[in-house]
Amino acid sequence: MGKNRRGEEPPTYILLSTLSENIAQLHTDVAELKAAQQQPVKSSTVPPTKSAEQMSGATARPPVRVTNDMDVHRVINDINKWKSNVIVSGLVEDDSVDDAVAFQQLCEDYLECKPLVVNCSRLGRRTQDKPRRLLVRLREERTALSLLQSS
């Protein structure tokens, strides 16, 4: 608390009362946080508690984002998809030949395997001096691992 309109400090009992109210609010917030920590999280956000900044009138922070089970499963699925990807550098870009066919031919000629390609796409901008990297999506993770080991 600051000074009043006349420039006087508020009486001590008012300061103590305000301090006691703030401490009681902090105890309540801590108890709620402990209870929330022991229970599984069901909602996507946790409501913010009053901080010292908020009690003093400062700007409030946005609610904290908590991941739920669906987000965790989505991330795990994405990681498993990425494990079946291979990036090839130096494979010449030829508009007359499909990149998937060129990749399979490279594997047959030099790696003695023929992986099942789901999709191919070039990464980055086209330049005249060097070919872009090729992102190859394979059907299975173990195919990607065997390709990396044999290369």
N, C-alpha and C. Protein backbone atom coordinates (compact mmCIF):
# COMPACT_ATOMS: atom_id res chain seq x y z
N MET A 1 0.85 -1.19 0.00
CA MET A 1 0.00 0.00 0.00
C MET A 1 0.88 1.23 0.00
N GLY A 2 0.40 2.24 -0.62
CA GLY A 2 1.15 3.49 -0.68
C GLY A 2 0.57 4.53 0.26
N LYS A 3 0.96 5.74 0.04
CA LYS A 3 0.49 6.85 0.86
C LYS A 3 -0.91 7.26 0.42
N ASN A 4 -1.65 7.87 1.34
CA ASN A 4 -2.99 8.33 1.00
C ASN A 4 -2.92 9.66 0.27
N ARG A 5 -4.06 10.29 0.05
CA ARG A 5 -4.12 11.53 -0.73
C ARG A 5 -3.34 12.67 -0.07
N ARG A 6 -3.28 12.64 1.23
CA ARG A 6 -2.59 13.70 1.95
C ARG A 6 -1.10 13.42 2.10
N GLY A 7 -0.63 12.28 1.53
CA GLY A 7 0.78 11.96 1.61
C GLY A 7 1.17 11.24 2.89
N GLU A 8 0.17 10.76 3.64
CA GLU A 8 0.45 10.09 4.90
C GLU A 8 0.46 8.58 4.69
N GLU A 9 1.27 7.91 5.48
CA GLU A 9 1.29 6.44 5.47
C GLU A 9 0.02 5.94 6.16
N PRO A 10 -0.54 4.81 5.68
CA PRO A 10 -1.71 4.26 6.38
C PRO A 10 -1.31 3.73 7.76
N PRO A 11 -2.27 3.66 8.64
CA PRO A 11 -1.96 3.14 9.98
C PRO A 11 -1.43 1.71 9.90
N THR A 12 -0.67 1.32 10.89
CA THR A 12 -0.03 0.01 10.93
C THR A 12 -1.07 -1.11 10.93
N TYR A 13 -2.18 -0.93 11.63
CA TYR A 13 -3.18 -2.00 11.69
C TYR A 13 -3.78 -2.29 10.31
N ILE A 14 -3.86 -1.28 9.42
CA ILE A 14 -4.37 -1.52 8.06
C ILE A 14 -3.34 -2.30 7.27
N LEU A 15 -2.07 -1.95 7.42
CA LEU A 15 -1.01 -2.69 6.73
C LEU A 15 -0.98 -4.15 7.19
N LEU A 16 -1.11 -4.37 8.48
CA LEU A 16 -1.11 -5.74 9.02
C LEU A 16 -2.33 -6.51 8.53
N SER A 17 -3.46 -5.86 8.45
CA SER A 17 -4.67 -6.51 7.97
C SER A 17 -4.52 -6.94 6.51
N THR A 18 -3.99 -6.05 5.68
CA THR A 18 -3.76 -6.37 4.27
C THR A 18 -2.76 -7.50 4.13
N LEU A 19 -1.71 -7.46 4.92
CA LEU A 19 -0.69 -8.51 4.89
C LEU A 19 -1.30 -9.85 5.31
N SER A 20 -2.13 -9.84 6.34
CA SER A 20 -2.78 -11.08 6.80
C SER A 20 -3.70 -11.64 5.73
N GLU A 21 -4.43 -10.79 5.03
CA GLU A 21 -5.31 -11.25 3.96
C GLU A 21 -4.50 -11.89 2.83
N ASN A 22 -3.38 -11.26 2.46
CA ASN A 22 -2.53 -11.81 1.41
C ASN A 22 -1.93 -13.15 1.81
N ILE A 23 -1.51 -13.28 3.04
CA ILE A 23 -0.95 -14.56 3.52
C ILE A 23 -2.03 -15.64 3.52
N ALA A 24 -3.23 -15.30 3.94
CA ALA A 24 -4.32 -16.28 3.93
C ALA A 24 -4.62 -16.73 2.50
N GLN A 25 -4.61 -15.79 1.56
CA GLN A 25 -4.84 -16.14 0.16
C GLN A 25 -3.73 -17.06 -0.36
N LEU A 26 -2.49 -16.80 0.01
CA LEU A 26 -1.38 -17.65 -0.39
C LEU A 26 -1.53 -19.07 0.16
N HIS A 27 -1.95 -19.18 1.43
CA HIS A 27 -2.18 -20.50 2.02
C HIS A 27 -3.26 -21.27 1.25
N THR A 28 -4.32 -20.58 0.87
CA THR A 28 -5.40 -21.20 0.10
C THR A 28 -4.88 -21.66 -1.27
N ASP A 29 -4.11 -20.80 -1.92
CA ASP A 29 -3.56 -21.14 -3.24
C ASP A 29 -2.62 -22.35 -3.16
N VAL A 30 -1.79 -22.39 -2.13
CA VAL A 30 -0.87 -23.53 -1.96
C VAL A 30 -1.66 -24.81 -1.72
N ALA A 31 -2.68 -24.75 -0.90
CA ALA A 31 -3.50 -25.93 -0.64
C ALA A 31 -4.19 -26.42 -1.91
N GLU A 32 -4.70 -25.49 -2.74
CA GLU A 32 -5.32 -25.87 -4.01
C GLU A 32 -4.32 -26.52 -4.96
N LEU A 33 -3.12 -25.96 -5.01
CA LEU A 33 -2.08 -26.53 -5.87
C LEU A 33 -1.68 -27.93 -5.42
N LYS A 34 -1.57 -28.14 -4.12
CA LYS A 34 -1.24 -29.47 -3.62
C LYS A 34 -2.34 -30.47 -3.95
N ALA A 35 -3.58 -30.06 -3.81
CA ALA A 35 -4.71 -30.94 -4.12
C ALA A 35 -4.76 -31.24 -5.61
N ALA A 36 -4.49 -30.23 -6.44
CA ALA A 36 -4.51 -30.43 -7.89
C ALA A 36 -3.37 -31.32 -8.35
N GLN A 37 -2.25 -31.26 -7.66
CA GLN A 37 -1.09 -32.07 -8.03
C GLN A 37 -1.35 -33.54 -7.74
N GLN A 38 -2.14 -33.84 -6.74
CA GLN A 38 -2.43 -35.23 -6.37
C GLN A 38 -3.51 -35.85 -7.24
N GLN A 39 -4.33 -35.04 -7.90
CA GLN A 39 -5.39 -35.53 -8.75
C GLN A 39 -4.93 -35.54 -10.20
N PRO A 40 -5.41 -36.52 -11.02
CA PRO A 40 -5.06 -36.50 -12.44
C PRO A 40 -5.67 -35.28 -13.12
N VAL A 41 -4.95 -34.72 -14.06
CA VAL A 41 -5.39 -33.52 -14.77
C VAL A 41 -6.40 -33.92 -15.83
N LYS A 42 -7.57 -33.30 -15.80
CA LYS A 42 -8.62 -33.60 -16.77
C LYS A 42 -8.82 -32.46 -17.76
N SER A 43 -8.60 -31.23 -17.31
CA SER A 43 -8.84 -30.10 -18.19
C SER A 43 -7.58 -29.73 -18.95
N SER A 44 -7.75 -28.89 -19.96
CA SER A 44 -6.60 -28.52 -20.79
C SER A 44 -5.83 -27.34 -20.21
N THR A 45 -6.42 -26.60 -19.24
CA THR A 45 -5.69 -25.50 -18.64
C THR A 45 -5.91 -25.50 -17.13
N VAL A 46 -4.95 -24.97 -16.42
CA VAL A 46 -5.05 -24.80 -14.99
C VAL A 46 -5.26 -23.33 -14.73
N PRO A 47 -6.30 -22.96 -13.97
CA PRO A 47 -6.52 -21.54 -13.75
C PRO A 47 -5.36 -20.94 -12.97
N PRO A 48 -4.98 -19.72 -13.32
CA PRO A 48 -3.85 -19.10 -12.63
C PRO A 48 -4.22 -18.74 -11.20
N THR A 49 -3.26 -18.80 -10.31
CA THR A 49 -3.47 -18.36 -8.94
C THR A 49 -2.95 -16.94 -8.82
N LYS A 50 -3.39 -16.25 -7.80
CA LYS A 50 -2.95 -14.88 -7.62
C LYS A 50 -1.51 -14.88 -7.14
N SER A 51 -0.68 -14.17 -7.86
CA SER A 51 0.70 -14.03 -7.47
C SER A 51 0.88 -12.70 -6.75
N ALA A 52 2.07 -12.47 -6.26
CA ALA A 52 2.35 -11.21 -5.59
C ALA A 52 2.18 -10.04 -6.55
N GLU A 53 2.54 -10.26 -7.84
CA GLU A 53 2.38 -9.21 -8.84
C GLU A 53 0.91 -8.88 -9.06
N GLN A 54 0.07 -9.93 -9.12
CA GLN A 54 -1.35 -9.71 -9.36
C GLN A 54 -2.00 -9.00 -8.18
N MET A 55 -1.57 -9.35 -6.96
CA MET A 55 -2.15 -8.72 -5.79
C MET A 55 -1.77 -7.25 -5.71
N SER A 56 -0.60 -6.93 -6.25
CA SER A 56 -0.15 -5.54 -6.20
C SER A 56 -0.68 -4.72 -7.38
N GLY A 57 -1.41 -5.38 -8.31
CA GLY A 57 -2.00 -4.65 -9.41
C GLY A 57 -1.25 -4.79 -10.71
N ALA A 58 -0.20 -5.59 -10.79
CA ALA A 58 0.54 -5.78 -12.03
C ALA A 58 -0.28 -6.62 -13.00
N THR A 59 0.16 -6.70 -14.24
CA THR A 59 -0.59 -7.45 -15.25
C THR A 59 -0.56 -8.94 -14.95
N ALA A 60 -1.63 -9.63 -15.32
CA ALA A 60 -1.76 -11.05 -15.04
C ALA A 60 -1.10 -11.87 -16.14
N ARG A 61 -0.59 -13.05 -15.77
CA ARG A 61 -0.01 -13.98 -16.74
C ARG A 61 -1.11 -14.86 -17.31
N PRO A 62 -0.94 -15.37 -18.54
CA PRO A 62 -1.95 -16.26 -19.10
C PRO A 62 -1.95 -17.59 -18.36
N PRO A 63 -3.05 -18.36 -18.47
CA PRO A 63 -3.09 -19.66 -17.80
C PRO A 63 -2.02 -20.59 -18.34
N VAL A 64 -1.56 -21.47 -17.48
CA VAL A 64 -0.52 -22.43 -17.85
C VAL A 64 -1.15 -23.55 -18.67
N ARG A 65 -0.54 -23.90 -19.79
CA ARG A 65 -1.05 -24.97 -20.66
C ARG A 65 -0.59 -26.31 -20.12
N VAL A 66 -1.52 -27.19 -19.90
CA VAL A 66 -1.21 -28.53 -19.42
C VAL A 66 -1.59 -29.51 -20.52
N THR A 67 -0.68 -30.42 -20.86
CA THR A 67 -1.00 -31.38 -21.90
C THR A 67 -1.90 -32.47 -21.35
N ASN A 68 -2.85 -32.88 -22.14
CA ASN A 68 -3.71 -33.97 -21.72
C ASN A 68 -3.31 -35.24 -22.47
N ASP A 69 -4.00 -36.31 -22.22
CA ASP A 69 -3.65 -37.60 -22.81
C ASP A 69 -3.67 -37.57 -24.33
N MET A 70 -4.63 -36.87 -24.92
CA MET A 70 -4.72 -36.82 -26.38
C MET A 70 -3.48 -36.15 -26.98
N ASP A 71 -3.01 -35.07 -26.34
CA ASP A 71 -1.81 -34.39 -26.84
C ASP A 71 -0.59 -35.31 -26.76
N VAL A 72 -0.48 -36.04 -25.68
CA VAL A 72 0.66 -36.96 -25.51
C VAL A 72 0.62 -38.05 -26.58
N HIS A 73 -0.55 -38.62 -26.82
CA HIS A 73 -0.68 -39.67 -27.84
C HIS A 73 -0.37 -39.11 -29.24
N ARG A 74 -0.81 -37.89 -29.51
CA ARG A 74 -0.55 -37.28 -30.81
C ARG A 74 0.96 -37.09 -31.02
N VAL A 75 1.66 -36.65 -30.00
CA VAL A 75 3.10 -36.44 -30.11
C VAL A 75 3.81 -37.77 -30.30
N ILE A 76 3.40 -38.79 -29.58
CA ILE A 76 4.02 -40.11 -29.72
C ILE A 76 3.78 -40.66 -31.12
N ASN A 77 2.59 -40.50 -31.66
CA ASN A 77 2.31 -40.96 -33.02
C ASN A 77 3.16 -40.20 -34.04
N ASP A 78 3.31 -38.89 -33.85
CA ASP A 78 4.15 -38.10 -34.76
C ASP A 78 5.60 -38.58 -34.72
N ILE A 79 6.11 -38.85 -33.54
CA ILE A 79 7.49 -39.31 -33.41
C ILE A 79 7.65 -40.66 -34.11
N ASN A 80 6.68 -41.54 -33.94
CA ASN A 80 6.76 -42.85 -34.60
C ASN A 80 6.70 -42.71 -36.12
N LYS A 81 5.93 -41.75 -36.63
CA LYS A 81 5.91 -41.50 -38.08
C LYS A 81 7.25 -40.98 -38.56
N TRP A 82 7.86 -40.09 -37.78
CA TRP A 82 9.14 -39.49 -38.17
C TRP A 82 10.24 -40.54 -38.21
N LYS A 83 10.12 -41.57 -37.39
CA LYS A 83 11.14 -42.62 -37.37
C LYS A 83 11.20 -43.38 -38.68
N SER A 84 10.14 -43.36 -39.46
CA SER A 84 10.14 -44.07 -40.74
C SER A 84 10.51 -43.16 -41.91
N ASN A 85 11.00 -41.95 -41.61
CA ASN A 85 11.43 -41.02 -42.65
C ASN A 85 12.94 -41.10 -42.83
N VAL A 86 13.38 -40.89 -44.06
CA VAL A 86 14.80 -40.84 -44.40
C VAL A 86 15.02 -39.61 -45.26
N ILE A 87 16.11 -38.89 -45.01
CA ILE A 87 16.46 -37.73 -45.84
C ILE A 87 17.69 -38.09 -46.65
N VAL A 88 17.58 -37.91 -47.97
CA VAL A 88 18.66 -38.25 -48.89
C VAL A 88 19.24 -36.95 -49.44
N SER A 89 20.56 -36.84 -49.38
CA SER A 89 21.26 -35.68 -49.92
C SER A 89 22.01 -36.08 -51.18
N GLY A 90 22.03 -35.21 -52.15
CA GLY A 90 22.84 -35.41 -53.34
C GLY A 90 22.17 -36.18 -54.46
N LEU A 91 20.93 -36.59 -54.33
CA LEU A 91 20.22 -37.29 -55.41
C LEU A 91 19.78 -36.24 -56.44
N VAL A 92 20.25 -36.41 -57.66
CA VAL A 92 20.03 -35.43 -58.73
C VAL A 92 18.53 -35.25 -58.99
N GLU A 93 18.14 -34.00 -59.15
CA GLU A 93 16.75 -33.69 -59.48
C GLU A 93 16.56 -33.80 -60.99
N ASP A 94 15.63 -34.67 -61.38
CA ASP A 94 15.34 -34.84 -62.79
C ASP A 94 13.82 -34.82 -62.93
N ASP A 95 13.30 -33.82 -63.66
CA ASP A 95 11.85 -33.68 -63.79
C ASP A 95 11.23 -34.83 -64.58
N SER A 96 12.01 -35.50 -65.38
CA SER A 96 11.47 -36.59 -66.18
C SER A 96 11.38 -37.91 -65.40
N VAL A 97 12.02 -37.98 -64.22
CA VAL A 97 12.01 -39.20 -63.41
C VAL A 97 11.38 -38.89 -62.06
N ASP A 98 10.47 -39.75 -61.64
CA ASP A 98 9.84 -39.60 -60.33
C ASP A 98 10.89 -39.82 -59.23
N ASP A 99 10.85 -39.00 -58.18
CA ASP A 99 11.84 -39.11 -57.10
C ASP A 99 11.75 -40.46 -56.39
N ALA A 100 10.55 -40.99 -56.23
CA ALA A 100 10.39 -42.29 -55.57
C ALA A 100 11.06 -43.39 -56.38
N VAL A 101 10.89 -43.34 -57.69
CA VAL A 101 11.51 -44.34 -58.57
C VAL A 101 13.03 -44.19 -58.54
N ALA A 102 13.52 -42.95 -58.57
CA ALA A 102 14.97 -42.72 -58.53
C ALA A 102 15.55 -43.21 -57.21
N PHE A 103 14.83 -43.00 -56.11
CA PHE A 103 15.31 -43.48 -54.81
C PHE A 103 15.34 -45.00 -54.75
N GLN A 104 14.27 -45.63 -55.23
CA GLN A 104 14.23 -47.10 -55.23
C GLN A 104 15.34 -47.67 -56.12
N GLN A 105 15.62 -47.03 -57.24
CA GLN A 105 16.70 -47.49 -58.11
C GLN A 105 18.06 -47.34 -57.42
N LEU A 106 18.25 -46.25 -56.70
CA LEU A 106 19.48 -46.04 -55.94
C LEU A 106 19.66 -47.14 -54.90
N CYS A 107 18.58 -47.47 -54.20
CA CYS A 107 18.64 -48.52 -53.17
C CYS A 107 18.94 -49.88 -53.79
N GLU A 108 18.32 -50.20 -54.91
CA GLU A 108 18.57 -51.49 -55.56
C GLU A 108 20.01 -51.59 -56.06
N ASP A 109 20.53 -50.51 -56.62
CA ASP A 109 21.87 -50.54 -57.21
C ASP A 109 22.97 -50.57 -56.16
N TYR A 110 22.82 -49.80 -55.09
CA TYR A 110 23.93 -49.62 -54.15
C TYR A 110 23.69 -50.21 -52.76
N LEU A 111 22.45 -50.45 -52.39
CA LEU A 111 22.16 -50.93 -51.04
C LEU A 111 21.53 -52.32 -51.03
N GLU A 112 21.29 -52.88 -52.18
CA GLU A 112 20.73 -54.23 -52.32
C GLU A 112 19.42 -54.42 -51.57
N CYS A 113 18.55 -53.45 -51.68
CA CYS A 113 17.21 -53.57 -51.11
C CYS A 113 16.25 -52.73 -51.94
N LYS A 114 14.96 -53.00 -51.77
CA LYS A 114 13.95 -52.23 -52.47
C LYS A 114 12.87 -51.84 -51.46
N PRO A 115 13.04 -50.66 -50.82
CA PRO A 115 12.08 -50.25 -49.80
C PRO A 115 10.75 -49.81 -50.40
N LEU A 116 9.69 -49.97 -49.63
CA LEU A 116 8.37 -49.53 -50.05
C LEU A 116 8.22 -48.06 -49.68
N VAL A 117 8.20 -47.20 -50.69
CA VAL A 117 8.13 -45.76 -50.50
C VAL A 117 6.67 -45.33 -50.46
N VAL A 118 6.31 -44.59 -49.40
CA VAL A 118 4.96 -44.06 -49.27
C VAL A 118 4.84 -42.73 -49.99
N ASN A 119 5.86 -41.87 -49.79
CA ASN A 119 5.80 -40.52 -50.34
C ASN A 119 7.21 -39.95 -50.41
N CYS A 120 7.46 -39.09 -51.38
CA CYS A 120 8.73 -38.37 -51.50
C CYS A 120 8.44 -36.91 -51.73
N SER A 121 9.27 -36.05 -51.14
CA SER A 121 9.15 -34.62 -51.41
C SER A 121 10.51 -33.97 -51.23
N ARG A 122 10.76 -32.94 -52.02
CA ARG A 122 12.01 -32.20 -51.96
C ARG A 122 11.89 -31.12 -50.90
N LEU A 123 12.99 -30.88 -50.19
CA LEU A 123 13.01 -29.89 -49.11
C LEU A 123 13.79 -28.66 -49.55
N GLY A 124 13.25 -27.49 -49.27
CA GLY A 124 13.95 -26.24 -49.57
C GLY A 124 13.64 -25.70 -50.95
N ARG A 125 14.36 -24.66 -51.29
CA ARG A 125 14.18 -24.00 -52.60
C ARG A 125 15.12 -24.60 -53.62
N ARG A 126 14.67 -24.60 -54.83
CA ARG A 126 15.48 -25.13 -55.93
C ARG A 126 16.58 -24.13 -56.27
N THR A 127 17.81 -24.67 -56.39
CA THR A 127 18.96 -23.87 -56.82
C THR A 127 19.62 -24.59 -57.99
N GLN A 128 20.43 -23.86 -58.75
CA GLN A 128 21.07 -24.46 -59.92
C GLN A 128 22.35 -25.20 -59.58
N ASP A 129 22.99 -24.85 -58.46
CA ASP A 129 24.29 -25.44 -58.17
C ASP A 129 24.24 -26.78 -57.46
N LYS A 130 23.21 -27.07 -56.67
CA LYS A 130 23.14 -28.37 -56.00
C LYS A 130 21.69 -28.83 -55.85
N PRO A 131 21.46 -30.15 -55.81
CA PRO A 131 20.09 -30.65 -55.68
C PRO A 131 19.58 -30.49 -54.24
N ARG A 132 18.27 -30.33 -54.13
CA ARG A 132 17.64 -30.23 -52.81
C ARG A 132 17.63 -31.60 -52.14
N ARG A 133 17.53 -31.58 -50.83
CA ARG A 133 17.42 -32.84 -50.09
C ARG A 133 16.06 -33.47 -50.37
N LEU A 134 16.02 -34.79 -50.29
CA LEU A 134 14.80 -35.54 -50.58
C LEU A 134 14.31 -36.19 -49.30
N LEU A 135 13.08 -35.86 -48.91
CA LEU A 135 12.44 -36.50 -47.75
C LEU A 135 11.67 -37.70 -48.26
N VAL A 136 12.05 -38.89 -47.78
CA VAL A 136 11.41 -40.13 -48.21
C VAL A 136 10.66 -40.70 -47.02
N ARG A 137 9.36 -40.89 -47.18
CA ARG A 137 8.55 -41.51 -46.14
C ARG A 137 8.37 -42.99 -46.50
N LEU A 138 8.83 -43.84 -45.59
CA LEU A 138 8.76 -45.28 -45.82
C LEU A 138 7.62 -45.88 -45.02
N ARG A 139 7.24 -47.09 -45.38
CA ARG A 139 6.11 -47.74 -44.74
C ARG A 139 6.41 -48.10 -43.28
N GLU A 140 7.65 -48.59 -43.02
CA GLU A 140 7.97 -49.08 -41.68
C GLU A 140 9.26 -48.48 -41.16
N GLU A 141 9.33 -48.37 -39.86
CA GLU A 141 10.52 -47.85 -39.20
C GLU A 141 11.72 -48.77 -39.41
N ARG A 142 11.50 -50.06 -39.37
CA ARG A 142 12.63 -50.98 -39.52
C ARG A 142 13.26 -50.89 -40.91
N THR A 143 12.47 -50.54 -41.92
CA THR A 143 13.03 -50.33 -43.26
C THR A 143 13.98 -49.13 -43.26
N ALA A 144 13.56 -48.07 -42.58
CA ALA A 144 14.42 -46.89 -42.48
C ALA A 144 15.71 -47.22 -41.73
N LEU A 145 15.60 -47.99 -40.66
CA LEU A 145 16.78 -48.38 -39.91
C LEU A 145 17.74 -49.23 -40.75
N SER A 146 17.18 -50.18 -41.49
CA SER A 146 18.05 -51.03 -42.31
C SER A 146 18.72 -50.22 -43.43
N LEU A 147 18.02 -49.24 -43.98
CA LEU A 147 18.63 -48.38 -44.99
C LEU A 147 19.78 -47.56 -44.41
N LEU A 148 19.56 -47.01 -43.24
CA LEU A 148 20.60 -46.21 -42.60
C LEU A 148 21.81 -47.07 -42.24
N GLN A 149 21.57 -48.29 -41.80
CA GLN A 149 22.68 -49.17 -41.43
C GLN A 149 23.46 -49.62 -42.64
N SER A 150 22.80 -49.86 -43.75
CA SER A 150 23.49 -50.36 -44.93
C SER A 150 24.14 -49.26 -45.75
N SER A 151 23.81 -48.01 -45.48
CA SER A 151 24.40 -46.90 -46.25
C SER A 151 25.76 -46.50 -45.72
